[in-house]
């Protein structure tokens, strides 16, 4: 059964969290800092624990919880205030809803669920808020009230599980390409089209192709905030999770292979297509891509998630917690859109009228 791990300051007993700015553990009460390495002993429990079935329990006032219900949640006791922490089956780190104490549910990371590496957060919550402000800047069709009155319903730093795939690729691709030459004389206009068969073959190695391992996260959203700089990756330690939320994977490496293969194939096709410059058209005729030597690692990557609402709709934004890359859809002021459309239509109409008038005055029409 998962157990709670809490990091206490040996100086004052306060809760300590990972500080993304200092890249150290810090006590917010006495400002004492600790290297993550000094807390490595806390992680020894991960080597001994094995994932077990969730505890079956029932309420006194209601009916008995089903096996499906208890498999999807767990109830834990906060070591600081005694409050109950309810977490779903994939939560690996969270906060106590009563005292805010950061806790790590170590059993959720035990055995084959323990990540190989983690990229620690580099940017804090204020950077995420600033990222949203920058994202809205310069958007002419953004409703003014959304910009002026916007408030965040929720902002959270989450370590998202990713599978990192390595693979070697051999590929052979044949293209049909054309070049066009145009000239004229006093009688005719000529167009000459030359046809070519292009052959491309070679090998490419791919390292750490990421695939989101959480069904809660939209794949396109997670891929939009790539890339991550793997040079900041470190061996996993639970101390990095303190103060943030974290999910374990619920999409296995085997279930992620198809997506990894698709990403690798797309990248291979693009890399080969980049070698066919200088032609008017290039169309693939046959493609043979072979993947081999595939292997995967389990990693946690830092993501800031921001949620806000507007006119009854929810908007979700994501920011790379390492690089600051920010993505997310914004609402559009439809009235402003039609005003801009009318203005440009009027400008285009005036230009067209001016050109026609000039042609008439010069006798061309």
Protein backbone atom coordinates (compact mmCIF):
# COMPACT_ATOMS: atom_id res chain seq x y z
CA UNK A 1 0.00 0.00 0.00
CA UNK A 2 1.37 3.48 -0.78
CA UNK A 3 2.78 5.39 2.17
CA UNK A 4 3.23 9.12 2.69
CA UNK A 5 6.71 10.63 2.59
CA UNK A 6 7.14 14.08 4.09
CA UNK A 7 10.31 16.15 4.13
CA UNK A 8 10.79 17.96 7.46
CA UNK A 9 13.38 20.64 8.19
CA UNK A 10 15.84 19.30 10.79
CA UNK A 11 16.32 22.86 12.07
CA UNK A 12 12.73 23.96 12.76
CA UNK A 13 10.52 21.02 11.80
CA UNK A 14 8.78 22.90 8.99
CA UNK A 15 7.90 21.35 5.68
CA UNK A 16 10.56 21.68 2.98
CA UNK A 17 10.01 21.80 -0.75
CA UNK A 18 12.09 21.80 -3.92
CA UNK A 19 12.92 25.39 -4.91
CA UNK A 20 13.14 25.66 -8.71
CA UNK A 21 15.15 28.89 -8.53
CA UNK A 22 17.80 27.58 -6.13
CA UNK A 23 17.63 24.01 -7.46
CA UNK A 24 17.76 22.95 -3.79
CA UNK A 25 15.37 21.94 -1.04
CA UNK A 26 14.34 24.94 1.07
CA UNK A 27 12.46 25.48 4.32
CA UNK A 28 10.10 28.48 3.89
CA UNK A 29 10.10 29.11 7.66
CA UNK A 30 13.79 29.34 8.57
CA UNK A 31 15.17 29.63 5.00
CA UNK A 32 17.54 26.70 5.54
CA UNK A 33 18.53 25.04 2.26
CA UNK A 34 19.63 21.47 1.57
CA UNK A 35 21.17 19.77 -1.41
CA UNK A 36 18.90 17.15 -2.93
CA UNK A 37 21.70 14.61 -2.52
CA UNK A 38 21.54 14.96 1.27
CA UNK A 39 17.99 13.60 1.19
CA UNK A 40 18.83 10.61 -0.94
CA UNK A 41 18.33 8.25 1.99
CA UNK A 42 14.59 8.88 1.82
CA UNK A 43 14.53 7.11 -1.51
CA UNK A 44 15.86 3.81 -0.18
CA UNK A 45 12.29 2.83 0.63
CA UNK A 46 11.55 2.71 -3.10
CA UNK A 47 13.92 -0.20 -3.54
CA UNK A 48 12.06 -2.28 -0.96
CA UNK A 49 8.42 -1.44 -1.64
CA UNK A 50 6.37 -3.29 -4.22
CA UNK A 51 3.02 -2.05 -5.51
CA UNK A 52 0.07 -3.76 -3.82
CA UNK A 53 -3.67 -3.75 -4.18
CA UNK A 54 -5.53 -0.73 -2.81
CA UNK A 55 -7.26 -1.16 0.55
CA UNK A 56 -10.98 -1.99 0.34
CA UNK A 57 -13.01 0.15 2.71
CA UNK A 58 -16.57 1.29 3.28
CA UNK A 59 -18.35 4.29 4.75
CA UNK A 60 -20.56 4.03 7.80
CA UNK A 61 -23.27 6.30 6.43
CA UNK A 62 -23.43 4.93 2.91
CA UNK A 63 -23.10 1.70 1.05
CA UNK A 64 -20.03 -0.45 0.60
CA UNK A 65 -17.42 0.82 -1.83
CA UNK A 66 -17.00 -1.35 -4.88
CA UNK A 67 -13.70 -2.88 -5.92
CA UNK A 68 -13.68 -0.55 -8.94
CA UNK A 69 -14.07 2.49 -6.67
CA UNK A 70 -11.27 1.57 -4.30
CA UNK A 71 -8.94 0.73 -7.17
CA UNK A 72 -9.37 4.27 -8.43
CA UNK A 73 -8.58 6.13 -5.19
CA UNK A 74 -6.68 6.03 -1.94
CA UNK A 75 -7.08 7.81 1.39
CA UNK A 76 -4.02 8.88 3.38
CA UNK A 77 -3.43 10.71 6.65
CA UNK A 78 -1.34 13.88 6.68
CA UNK A 79 1.55 13.57 9.12
CA UNK A 80 1.42 17.29 9.93
CA UNK A 81 -2.23 17.97 10.72
CA UNK A 82 -3.91 14.57 10.65
CA UNK A 83 -6.21 15.54 7.80
CA UNK A 84 -7.28 13.02 5.17
CA UNK A 85 -5.75 13.22 1.71
CA UNK A 86 -7.77 11.63 -1.09
CA UNK A 87 -5.81 10.78 -4.22
CA UNK A 88 -6.62 8.80 -7.32
CA UNK A 89 -4.70 5.68 -8.25
CA UNK A 90 -2.16 7.55 -10.40
CA UNK A 91 -1.27 10.41 -8.05
CA UNK A 92 2.34 10.19 -6.86
CA UNK A 93 2.76 13.61 -5.20
CA UNK A 94 0.24 16.14 -3.94
CA UNK A 95 -0.57 18.58 -1.12
CA UNK A 96 -2.66 18.21 2.01
CA UNK A 97 -5.89 20.18 1.33
CA UNK A 98 -6.01 21.33 4.97
CA UNK A 99 -2.50 22.50 5.86
CA UNK A 100 -0.89 22.56 2.40
CA UNK A 101 1.85 20.15 3.45
CA UNK A 102 3.56 18.63 0.37
CA UNK A 103 3.58 14.84 0.42
CA UNK A 104 4.96 12.10 -1.82
CA UNK A 105 3.05 8.81 -2.04
CA UNK A 106 6.10 6.59 -2.29
CA UNK A 107 4.27 3.33 -2.96
CA UNK A 108 2.92 4.83 -6.18
CA UNK A 109 6.52 5.01 -7.44
CA UNK A 110 7.79 1.69 -6.15
CA UNK A 111 9.04 -1.31 -8.09
CA UNK A 112 8.64 -1.06 -11.85
CA UNK A 113 6.83 2.28 -11.42
CA UNK A 114 9.92 4.16 -10.22
CA UNK A 115 11.06 6.72 -12.85
CA UNK A 116 14.57 6.45 -14.27
CA UNK A 117 15.17 10.21 -14.54
CA UNK A 118 13.51 13.54 -13.78
CA UNK A 119 13.99 17.03 -15.18
CA UNK A 120 13.48 19.37 -12.18
CA UNK A 121 11.37 22.49 -12.44
CA UNK A 122 13.41 25.52 -13.49
CA UNK A 123 10.54 28.04 -13.49
CA UNK A 124 8.17 28.88 -10.65
CA UNK A 125 4.49 29.76 -10.42
CA UNK A 126 5.08 33.49 -11.04
CA UNK A 127 6.87 32.63 -14.28
CA UNK A 128 3.82 30.62 -15.34
CA UNK A 129 1.51 33.57 -14.63
CA UNK A 130 3.82 35.86 -16.60
CA UNK A 131 3.80 33.31 -19.40
CA UNK A 132 0.02 33.66 -19.67
CA UNK A 133 0.29 37.46 -19.73
CA UNK A 134 2.89 37.25 -22.50
CA UNK A 135 0.69 34.76 -24.35
CA UNK A 136 -2.19 37.25 -24.38
CA UNK A 137 -0.02 40.22 -25.39
CA UNK A 138 -0.56 41.50 -28.93
CA UNK A 139 -3.68 39.38 -29.55
CA UNK A 140 -5.91 41.92 -31.34
CA UNK A 141 -8.99 39.70 -31.35
CA UNK A 142 -8.79 38.74 -27.67
CA UNK A 143 -11.87 40.02 -25.77
CA UNK A 144 -10.87 43.05 -23.70
CA UNK A 145 -12.82 41.86 -20.67
CA UNK A 146 -11.00 38.50 -20.78
CA UNK A 147 -7.68 40.32 -20.76
CA UNK A 148 -8.66 42.85 -18.06
CA UNK A 149 -10.74 40.62 -15.79
CA UNK A 150 -9.08 37.29 -16.40
CA UNK A 151 -8.39 35.28 -13.26
CA UNK A 152 -6.95 31.83 -12.98
CA UNK A 153 -9.25 29.14 -11.64
CA UNK A 154 -6.28 26.87 -11.03
CA UNK A 155 -2.53 26.81 -11.52
CA UNK A 156 -0.43 23.79 -10.65
CA UNK A 157 3.02 22.44 -11.27
CA UNK A 158 2.86 18.81 -12.32
CA UNK A 159 5.52 16.24 -13.05
CA UNK A 160 4.05 14.46 -16.07
CA UNK A 161 5.15 10.89 -16.85
CA UNK A 162 6.81 10.37 -20.23
CA UNK A 163 8.23 7.36 -22.01
CA UNK A 164 11.47 8.21 -23.80
CA UNK A 165 12.10 5.98 -26.79
CA UNK A 166 15.42 5.25 -28.48
CA UNK A 167 15.50 3.63 -31.92
CA UNK A 168 17.66 3.19 -35.01
CA UNK A 169 16.09 3.68 -38.43
CA UNK A 170 17.03 2.47 -41.91
CA UNK A 171 15.03 4.08 -44.68
CA UNK A 172 14.69 4.06 -48.48
CA UNK A 173 12.42 6.64 -50.09
CA UNK A 174 11.81 7.29 -53.79
CA UNK A 175 10.40 10.63 -54.93
CA UNK A 176 9.00 11.93 -58.20
CA UNK A 177 10.24 15.49 -58.70
CA UNK A 178 9.78 18.13 -61.39
CA UNK A 179 11.47 21.32 -62.53
CA UNK A 180 9.76 23.90 -64.73
CA UNK A 181 11.34 26.33 -67.18
CA UNK A 182 9.27 29.12 -68.81
CA UNK A 183 10.25 31.39 -71.72
CA UNK A 184 8.63 33.14 -74.65
CA UNK A 185 9.31 34.60 -78.08
CA UNK A 186 7.34 36.95 -80.28
CA UNK A 187 4.83 34.24 -81.14
CA UNK A 188 4.50 31.83 -78.24
CA UNK A 189 4.90 31.24 -74.54
CA UNK A 190 6.75 28.03 -73.70
CA UNK A 191 6.75 25.83 -70.61
CA UNK A 192 9.17 22.94 -70.25
CA UNK A 193 8.68 20.44 -67.42
CA UNK A 194 11.51 18.05 -66.55
CA UNK A 195 10.80 14.93 -64.52
CA UNK A 196 13.22 13.26 -62.08
CA UNK A 197 13.31 10.13 -59.99
CA UNK A 198 15.04 10.85 -56.67
CA UNK A 199 16.35 8.04 -54.49
CA UNK A 200 17.24 8.63 -50.85
CA UNK A 201 18.62 6.00 -48.46
CA UNK A 202 20.32 6.18 -45.11
CA UNK A 203 20.24 5.55 -41.38
CA UNK A 204 19.17 7.81 -38.52
CA UNK A 205 19.46 7.30 -34.77
CA UNK A 206 16.76 8.69 -32.47
CA UNK A 207 17.31 9.31 -28.76
CA UNK A 208 14.67 10.00 -26.14
CA UNK A 209 11.61 10.55 -28.34
CA UNK A 210 8.98 11.54 -25.73
CA UNK A 211 5.50 10.08 -25.51
CA UNK A 212 3.09 11.26 -22.81
CA UNK A 213 2.37 8.40 -20.40
CA UNK A 214 -0.69 9.93 -18.73
CA UNK A 215 -4.19 9.56 -20.10
CA UNK A 216 -5.14 12.77 -18.25
CA UNK A 217 -2.90 14.89 -20.46
CA UNK A 218 -3.79 15.67 -24.06
CA UNK A 219 -0.99 14.38 -26.29
CA UNK A 220 -1.12 17.39 -28.61
CA UNK A 221 -0.86 19.78 -25.66
CA UNK A 222 2.16 17.96 -24.22
CA UNK A 223 3.88 17.75 -27.61
CA UNK A 224 3.28 21.46 -28.23
CA UNK A 225 5.51 22.49 -25.30
CA UNK A 226 8.47 20.39 -26.47
CA UNK A 227 11.41 20.27 -26.63
CA UNK A 228 12.99 19.62 -23.23
CA UNK A 229 16.73 19.91 -22.71
CA UNK A 230 17.77 16.49 -21.49
CA UNK A 231 21.10 17.85 -20.25
CA UNK A 232 19.23 18.96 -17.11
CA UNK A 233 17.93 15.44 -16.43
CA UNK A 234 19.09 13.81 -13.19
CA UNK A 235 18.61 10.41 -11.61
CA UNK A 236 15.20 10.27 -9.99
CA UNK A 237 14.85 11.21 -6.33
CA UNK A 238 11.55 11.81 -4.57
CA UNK A 239 12.86 15.10 -3.12
CA UNK A 240 12.32 16.78 -6.49
CA UNK A 241 8.58 16.07 -6.21
CA UNK A 242 8.12 17.85 -2.88
CA UNK A 243 5.95 20.93 -3.37
CA UNK A 244 4.55 19.81 -6.73
CA UNK A 245 1.97 17.40 -8.03
CA UNK A 246 3.07 14.24 -9.79
CA UNK A 247 1.33 11.46 -11.65
CA UNK A 248 2.60 8.00 -12.37
CA UNK A 249 1.98 6.58 -15.81
CA UNK A 250 -1.31 4.89 -16.63
CA UNK A 251 -0.40 4.37 -20.28
CA UNK A 252 2.28 1.68 -20.45
CA UNK A 253 5.40 1.70 -22.60
CA UNK A 254 3.88 -1.05 -24.75
CA UNK A 255 0.74 1.04 -25.29
CA UNK A 256 2.90 4.02 -26.28
CA UNK A 257 4.93 2.23 -28.96
CA UNK A 258 2.55 3.06 -31.81
CA UNK A 259 2.73 6.77 -31.02
CA UNK A 260 6.52 6.61 -30.71
CA UNK A 261 6.80 4.79 -34.04
CA UNK A 262 4.55 7.38 -35.70
CA UNK A 263 6.65 10.27 -34.39
CA UNK A 264 9.89 8.58 -35.47
CA UNK A 265 8.51 7.85 -38.94
CA UNK A 266 7.27 11.43 -39.38
CA UNK A 267 10.68 12.79 -38.34
CA UNK A 268 12.47 10.40 -40.70
CA UNK A 269 10.27 11.38 -43.63
CA UNK A 270 10.83 15.07 -42.89
CA UNK A 271 14.61 14.63 -42.60
CA UNK A 272 14.77 12.85 -45.97
CA UNK A 273 12.41 15.38 -47.59
CA UNK A 274 14.74 18.18 -46.50
CA UNK A 275 17.39 16.75 -48.85
CA UNK A 276 15.19 17.25 -51.95
CA UNK A 277 15.37 21.04 -52.25
CA UNK A 278 15.58 22.83 -55.59
CA UNK A 279 12.61 21.25 -57.37
CA UNK A 280 9.22 22.70 -58.25
CA UNK A 281 7.37 19.67 -56.88
CA UNK A 282 8.46 16.62 -54.90
CA UNK A 283 6.07 13.74 -54.27
CA UNK A 284 6.99 10.51 -52.40
CA UNK A 285 6.31 7.45 -54.53
CA UNK A 286 7.48 4.67 -52.24
CA UNK A 287 8.61 4.68 -48.62
CA UNK A 288 10.34 1.90 -46.72
CA UNK A 289 11.19 2.73 -43.10
CA UNK A 290 12.52 0.04 -40.76
CA UNK A 291 12.84 0.58 -37.00
CA UNK A 292 15.19 -1.50 -34.83
CA UNK A 293 16.98 -1.57 -31.47
CA UNK A 294 14.07 0.08 -29.71
CA UNK A 295 14.16 0.70 -25.96
CA UNK A 296 12.42 3.01 -23.53
CA UNK A 297 13.06 4.91 -20.31
CA UNK A 298 10.57 6.25 -17.80
CA UNK A 299 10.93 9.96 -17.00
CA UNK A 300 9.07 12.78 -15.25
CA UNK A 301 9.01 16.15 -17.03
CA UNK A 302 7.92 19.48 -15.44
CA UNK A 303 4.73 21.12 -16.69
CA UNK A 304 2.76 24.11 -15.42
CA UNK A 305 -0.98 23.77 -16.09
CA UNK A 306 -3.21 26.85 -15.92
CA UNK A 307 -7.00 26.74 -16.12
CA UNK A 308 -9.37 29.66 -16.51
CA UNK A 309 -12.97 30.12 -17.62
CA UNK A 310 -14.74 32.62 -19.87
CA UNK A 311 -18.40 32.78 -20.88
CA UNK A 312 -19.04 29.29 -19.57
CA UNK A 313 -16.09 27.71 -21.37
CA UNK A 314 -12.89 26.40 -19.79
CA UNK A 315 -9.50 27.18 -21.26
CA UNK A 316 -6.40 25.14 -20.44
CA UNK A 317 -2.85 26.40 -20.96
CA UNK A 318 0.42 24.56 -20.51
CA UNK A 319 3.94 25.82 -19.96
CA UNK A 320 7.17 23.88 -20.14
CA UNK A 321 8.47 24.06 -16.58
CA UNK A 322 12.06 23.99 -17.82
CA UNK A 323 12.13 26.27 -20.89
CA UNK A 324 9.01 28.43 -20.46
CA UNK A 325 7.43 27.53 -23.80
CA UNK A 326 3.74 28.42 -23.45
CA UNK A 327 0.74 27.13 -25.43
CA UNK A 328 -3.05 27.26 -25.23
CA UNK A 329 -6.09 28.46 -27.15
CA UNK A 330 -7.59 31.88 -26.38
CA UNK A 331 -11.17 33.12 -26.90
CA UNK A 332 -11.92 35.38 -29.85
CA UNK A 333 -13.96 38.57 -29.83
CA UNK A 334 -16.33 37.87 -32.73
CA UNK A 335 -17.48 41.48 -32.94
CA UNK A 336 -13.86 42.63 -33.22
CA UNK A 337 -13.24 39.94 -35.85
CA UNK A 338 -16.04 41.22 -38.04
CA UNK A 339 -14.89 44.84 -37.55
CA UNK A 340 -11.38 43.92 -38.68
CA UNK A 341 -12.84 41.99 -41.63
CA UNK A 342 -14.97 44.98 -42.63
CA UNK A 343 -11.98 47.34 -42.39
CA UNK A 344 -9.78 45.14 -44.56
CA UNK A 345 -12.62 44.58 -47.03
CA UNK A 346 -13.05 48.36 -47.31
CA UNK A 347 -9.30 48.87 -47.81
CA UNK A 348 -9.19 46.14 -50.46
CA UNK A 349 -12.23 47.60 -52.19
CA UNK A 350 -10.69 51.09 -52.22
CA UNK A 351 -7.43 49.76 -53.64
CA UNK A 352 -9.28 47.84 -56.35
CA UNK A 353 -11.32 50.91 -57.27
CA UNK A 354 -8.15 53.02 -57.39
CA UNK A 355 -6.38 50.55 -59.68
CA UNK A 356 -9.37 50.33 -62.03
CA UNK A 357 -9.66 54.13 -62.14
CA UNK A 358 -5.97 54.46 -62.92
CA UNK A 359 -6.22 51.92 -65.72
CA UNK A 360 -9.20 53.73 -67.20
CA UNK A 361 -7.49 57.11 -67.06
CA UNK A 362 -4.40 55.74 -68.76
CA UNK A 363 -6.49 54.09 -71.48
CA UNK A 364 -5.73 50.46 -70.63
CA UNK A 365 -9.43 49.69 -70.16
